[in-house]
Amino acid sequence: MLKVLKRVFVFILTAAICFTGTLFTDSVSAATGPTDYQMEVAKQLTIGETITGTLLGSSNQETKSTYYMIKTKHTYDFVFSVVCEGDCAENVEVQVWSSKGVLLRNGNSSKANWVYDKDKNVSKDEFTVKKKKAGKYYIEIKETHSTEGAEYSLRGTVKLREKVKDVSAKQNAAGSKKVTVTWTPINDDAVNIKGYKVYVATKKKGKYKLKATVRGTDASSAEIKIKNPGKTYYVIVKAFYFSKNSDKNLFSKASAKFKLATTKA
């Protein structure tokens, strides 16, 4: 009889733990995304734009958050960069949420994420959220410890997942060292194409050297020079963008390799 009672007690205890999460400590709710109101008042973040803000001054007893919303019509790898005055590792977390409240980037390990530049007295947190489909996404600047109203900047860009299409190349004349390369410009409403770079190699899997840089969103051709007419060359084209707002140029994926057999005079 005693064994039966023990089994019943264990069963009841197990069931209670399953339903309540715990019997002897306060339950801890799982992280949730922005509320409807927070999504409504979130500040618009335009892709490629740098926006500035001021930390709200959270205390140890409360957490304060500022939300930004970024919207796209295509699938991208997002690239975010946050720069904050002072050493932010103990004070600020940067999280990214989907519009459905799914946590895409957890900033809890902020010490590892932030890089502090002592000379400039600023901290930087730069990260990528990969392969996100069209829709709205929310960036949370979350203050978990005491702050003093430090200023910060936030920039959101994307990595193009589209290749430059329809690349072709033609020797200007038999024996000529001049070759005209053409392509179809990338048409994407989320990015501001700055121009295109043309690379050439003498082997399909060889080392590609930069031969031309053409600036302009709608640029579609470039003239390059080759050393040895009569040889076969391989040509690829990449788009570059956000050179003004990025620490360095971002590039689209390379076009498919175009094989050009040139002729001697």
Protein backbone atom coordinates (compact mmCIF):
# COMPACT_ATOMS: atom_id res chain seq x y z
CA MET A 1 0.00 0.00 0.00
CA LEU A 2 2.85 2.35 0.90
CA LYS A 3 4.50 1.74 -2.46
CA VAL A 4 1.26 2.59 -4.24
CA LEU A 5 0.93 5.85 -2.28
CA LYS A 6 4.52 6.77 -3.13
CA ARG A 7 3.87 6.18 -6.84
CA VAL A 8 0.74 8.34 -6.70
CA PHE A 9 2.66 11.13 -4.93
CA VAL A 10 5.47 11.02 -7.55
CA PHE A 11 2.89 11.11 -10.34
CA ILE A 12 1.14 14.16 -8.84
CA LEU A 13 4.47 15.93 -8.24
CA THR A 14 5.61 15.30 -11.81
CA ALA A 15 2.32 16.54 -13.24
CA ALA A 16 2.53 19.69 -11.11
CA ILE A 17 6.03 20.44 -12.35
CA CYS A 18 4.95 19.96 -15.97
CA PHE A 19 2.03 22.37 -15.63
CA THR A 20 3.65 25.04 -13.47
CA GLY A 21 7.26 24.79 -14.61
CA THR A 22 8.39 24.67 -10.97
CA LEU A 23 6.87 24.23 -7.50
CA PHE A 24 9.42 25.90 -5.32
CA THR A 25 10.67 28.95 -7.26
CA ASP A 26 9.04 31.83 -9.09
CA SER A 27 8.49 31.01 -12.74
CA VAL A 28 10.60 32.86 -15.30
CA SER A 29 8.74 33.80 -18.44
CA ALA A 30 10.39 33.18 -21.78
CA ALA A 31 11.63 36.14 -23.78
CA THR A 32 8.91 37.65 -25.93
CA GLY A 33 9.08 40.01 -28.85
CA PRO A 34 7.82 43.57 -29.05
CA THR A 35 4.22 44.23 -28.13
CA ASP A 36 1.70 45.56 -30.65
CA TYR A 37 2.24 49.04 -29.24
CA GLN A 38 6.02 48.78 -29.42
CA MET A 39 5.80 47.64 -33.04
CA GLU A 40 3.45 50.53 -33.78
CA VAL A 41 5.81 53.18 -32.36
CA ALA A 42 9.04 51.57 -33.60
CA LYS A 43 11.18 54.01 -35.54
CA GLN A 44 11.64 53.32 -39.25
CA LEU A 45 15.17 52.22 -40.18
CA THR A 46 15.89 52.62 -43.89
CA ILE A 47 18.36 50.14 -45.32
CA GLY A 48 21.75 51.83 -45.63
CA GLU A 49 20.78 54.69 -43.31
CA THR A 50 22.60 55.54 -40.09
CA ILE A 51 20.24 56.63 -37.33
CA THR A 52 21.24 58.07 -33.94
CA GLY A 53 19.63 57.81 -30.51
CA THR A 54 20.23 58.30 -26.80
CA LEU A 55 20.10 55.57 -24.17
CA LEU A 56 17.08 55.96 -21.92
CA GLY A 57 18.90 55.56 -18.60
CA SER A 58 17.74 52.18 -17.31
CA SER A 59 18.34 51.23 -13.69
CA ASN A 60 19.23 47.86 -12.19
CA GLN A 61 15.59 47.38 -11.23
CA GLU A 62 14.11 47.87 -14.68
CA THR A 63 14.78 47.26 -18.34
CA LYS A 64 14.13 49.85 -21.04
CA SER A 65 14.05 49.20 -24.76
CA THR A 66 13.92 51.24 -27.95
CA TYR A 67 12.67 49.51 -31.10
CA TYR A 68 13.48 50.11 -34.75
CA MET A 69 11.71 48.51 -37.71
CA ILE A 70 13.36 47.53 -40.99
CA LYS A 71 11.31 46.28 -43.94
CA THR A 72 12.33 44.43 -47.10
CA LYS A 73 10.65 42.94 -50.15
CA HIS A 74 13.29 40.28 -50.85
CA THR A 75 15.40 37.68 -49.05
CA TYR A 76 18.65 39.04 -47.62
CA ASP A 77 21.42 38.55 -45.13
CA PHE A 78 20.97 41.53 -42.77
CA VAL A 79 24.08 43.32 -41.51
CA PHE A 80 23.65 45.52 -38.41
CA SER A 81 26.16 47.80 -36.75
CA VAL A 82 25.68 49.62 -33.43
CA VAL A 83 28.20 52.13 -32.07
CA CYS A 84 27.75 53.40 -28.51
CA GLU A 85 29.61 55.97 -26.43
CA GLY A 86 31.66 54.43 -23.63
CA ASP A 87 31.95 50.78 -22.67
CA CYS A 88 28.50 49.33 -23.41
CA ALA A 89 29.26 45.66 -22.72
CA GLU A 90 27.62 45.76 -19.29
CA ASN A 91 24.76 48.06 -20.23
CA VAL A 92 23.24 47.30 -23.61
CA GLU A 93 22.04 44.29 -25.57
CA VAL A 94 21.02 44.34 -29.22
CA GLN A 95 18.35 41.85 -30.26
CA VAL A 96 16.51 41.21 -33.51
CA TRP A 97 12.91 39.97 -33.67
CA SER A 98 10.63 38.86 -36.47
CA SER A 99 7.17 40.42 -36.74
CA LYS A 100 5.83 37.19 -35.19
CA GLY A 101 7.91 37.60 -32.04
CA VAL A 102 10.60 35.07 -32.95
CA LEU A 103 14.01 35.95 -31.50
CA LEU A 104 16.48 35.89 -34.39
CA ARG A 105 19.50 37.34 -32.62
CA ASN A 106 19.99 37.10 -28.87
CA GLY A 107 22.10 39.86 -27.38
CA ASN A 108 22.41 38.31 -23.92
CA SER A 109 26.09 37.55 -24.41
CA SER A 110 26.78 41.24 -24.82
CA LYS A 111 30.27 41.06 -23.34
CA ALA A 112 31.34 38.85 -26.21
CA ASN A 113 29.51 40.93 -28.82
CA TRP A 114 30.72 44.42 -27.96
CA VAL A 115 34.22 45.54 -28.91
CA TYR A 116 35.47 48.52 -26.89
CA ASP A 117 37.88 51.06 -28.41
CA LYS A 118 39.55 52.71 -25.44
CA ASP A 119 41.20 55.47 -27.49
CA LYS A 120 37.91 56.61 -29.05
CA ASN A 121 35.84 55.66 -25.97
CA VAL A 122 33.23 53.89 -28.10
CA SER A 123 31.91 50.33 -28.30
CA LYS A 124 30.84 48.54 -31.47
CA ASP A 125 28.54 45.57 -31.97
CA GLU A 126 28.39 44.37 -35.59
CA PHE A 127 26.60 41.19 -36.61
CA THR A 128 24.78 39.40 -39.44
CA VAL A 129 21.32 37.79 -39.40
CA LYS A 130 21.30 35.36 -42.32
CA LYS A 131 18.75 34.48 -44.99
CA LYS A 132 15.72 36.43 -43.85
CA LYS A 133 12.71 36.60 -46.14
CA ALA A 134 10.70 39.64 -47.14
CA GLY A 135 8.83 41.28 -44.29
CA LYS A 136 9.28 43.44 -41.20
CA TYR A 137 12.00 42.96 -38.60
CA TYR A 138 12.51 44.73 -35.29
CA ILE A 139 15.83 45.72 -33.74
CA GLU A 140 15.72 46.16 -29.97
CA ILE A 141 18.24 48.38 -28.17
CA LYS A 142 17.80 46.87 -24.72
CA GLU A 143 19.26 48.54 -21.60
CA THR A 144 19.65 46.11 -18.73
CA HIS A 145 21.92 48.05 -16.38
CA SER A 146 22.60 51.58 -15.25
CA THR A 147 23.28 53.99 -18.12
CA GLU A 148 23.94 57.71 -18.32
CA GLY A 149 22.12 58.71 -21.48
CA ALA A 150 25.00 57.89 -23.81
CA GLU A 151 24.48 58.41 -27.53
CA TYR A 152 24.51 55.55 -30.01
CA SER A 153 24.14 55.02 -33.75
CA LEU A 154 22.47 52.15 -35.58
CA ARG A 155 22.96 51.13 -39.20
CA GLY A 156 21.23 48.33 -41.05
CA THR A 157 22.32 47.08 -44.45
CA VAL A 158 21.78 43.90 -46.43
CA LYS A 159 23.97 41.52 -48.39
CA LEU A 160 22.64 40.98 -51.87
CA ARG A 161 21.84 37.37 -52.61
CA GLU A 162 21.35 38.17 -56.30
CA LYS A 163 24.07 37.71 -58.91
CA VAL A 164 24.75 40.11 -61.76
CA LYS A 165 23.00 38.56 -64.76
CA ASP A 166 23.48 38.33 -68.52
CA VAL A 167 27.23 38.98 -68.48
CA SER A 168 28.79 38.91 -71.93
CA ALA A 169 32.13 39.99 -73.44
CA LYS A 170 33.24 40.74 -76.99
CA GLN A 171 36.62 41.60 -78.47
CA ASN A 172 36.27 45.00 -80.16
CA ALA A 173 38.02 43.75 -83.29
CA ALA A 174 40.19 40.85 -84.40
CA GLY A 175 43.57 41.19 -82.72
CA SER A 176 42.39 44.09 -80.54
CA LYS A 177 43.48 44.32 -76.91
CA LYS A 178 40.22 46.04 -76.07
CA VAL A 179 37.17 44.05 -74.93
CA THR A 180 33.69 45.36 -74.15
CA VAL A 181 31.89 43.68 -71.26
CA THR A 182 28.11 44.06 -70.86
CA TRP A 183 25.56 42.95 -68.22
CA THR A 184 22.05 43.61 -66.94
CA PRO A 185 22.03 46.02 -63.94
CA ILE A 186 20.61 44.72 -60.66
CA ASN A 187 17.18 46.18 -59.97
CA ASP A 188 16.51 45.98 -56.25
CA ASP A 189 14.41 48.48 -54.30
CA ALA A 190 16.21 47.81 -51.01
CA VAL A 191 19.73 48.74 -52.02
CA ASN A 192 21.46 51.65 -53.65
CA ILE A 193 23.87 50.20 -56.20
CA LYS A 194 26.98 52.36 -56.45
CA GLY A 195 28.46 50.64 -59.48
CA TYR A 196 30.05 47.50 -60.88
CA LYS A 197 33.48 45.90 -60.92
CA VAL A 198 34.76 43.68 -63.73
CA TYR A 199 37.27 40.90 -62.99
CA VAL A 200 39.23 38.78 -65.49
CA ALA A 201 41.23 35.53 -65.26
CA THR A 202 43.06 33.35 -67.77
CA LYS A 203 41.77 30.15 -66.13
CA LYS A 204 38.23 29.35 -65.06
CA LYS A 205 39.35 28.60 -61.50
CA GLY A 206 42.29 30.98 -61.61
CA LYS A 207 42.93 34.26 -59.85
CA TYR A 208 40.56 37.00 -61.00
CA LYS A 209 42.07 40.48 -61.29
CA LEU A 210 40.12 43.73 -61.19
CA LYS A 211 40.09 45.26 -64.67
CA ALA A 212 37.45 47.99 -64.48
CA THR A 213 35.26 49.90 -62.04
CA VAL A 214 32.15 51.58 -63.43
CA ARG A 215 30.09 53.84 -61.19
CA GLY A 216 26.36 54.35 -61.53
CA THR A 217 23.21 52.48 -60.54
CA ASP A 218 22.26 51.72 -64.15
CA ALA A 219 25.78 51.08 -65.50
CA SER A 220 25.67 48.15 -67.89
CA SER A 221 29.00 48.04 -69.73
CA ALA A 222 32.73 48.56 -69.36
CA GLU A 223 35.74 48.48 -71.65
CA ILE A 224 38.75 46.50 -70.47
CA LYS A 225 42.18 45.69 -71.86
CA ILE A 226 43.70 42.23 -72.31
CA LYS A 227 47.41 41.43 -72.65
CA ASN A 228 47.48 38.64 -75.18
CA PRO A 229 44.90 38.52 -77.99
CA GLY A 230 44.38 34.94 -79.07
CA LYS A 231 44.07 33.57 -75.54
CA THR A 232 40.90 32.55 -73.70
CA TYR A 233 39.72 34.78 -70.86
CA TYR A 234 37.09 34.37 -68.16
CA VAL A 235 35.04 37.36 -67.00
CA ILE A 236 32.90 37.95 -63.90
CA VAL A 237 31.07 41.07 -62.69
CA LYS A 238 30.09 42.15 -59.16
CA ALA A 239 27.89 45.03 -58.00
CA PHE A 240 29.08 47.17 -55.09
CA TYR A 241 26.86 49.24 -52.83
CA PHE A 242 26.59 51.25 -49.58
CA SER A 243 30.14 52.54 -49.92
CA LYS A 244 29.07 55.77 -48.19
CA ASN A 245 27.33 54.21 -45.20
CA SER A 246 29.49 51.13 -44.75
CA ASP A 247 32.91 50.72 -43.22
CA LYS A 248 33.81 49.03 -46.49
CA ASN A 249 32.06 48.26 -49.78
CA LEU A 250 29.59 45.41 -49.82
CA PHE A 251 29.43 43.25 -52.93
CA SER A 252 26.84 41.15 -54.68
CA LYS A 253 27.66 37.58 -55.55
CA ALA A 254 29.80 37.18 -58.66
CA SER A 255 28.08 36.61 -61.96
CA ALA A 256 28.44 33.32 -63.74
CA LYS A 257 31.85 33.11 -65.45
CA PHE A 258 31.73 34.17 -69.10
CA LYS A 259 34.24 32.42 -71.40
CA LEU A 260 35.73 34.67 -74.09
CA ALA A 261 37.96 33.24 -76.84
CA THR A 262 39.89 36.13 -78.37
CA THR A 263 41.65 36.17 -81.74
CA LYS A 264 45.00 37.40 -82.97
CA ALA A 265 45.31 40.02 -85.70
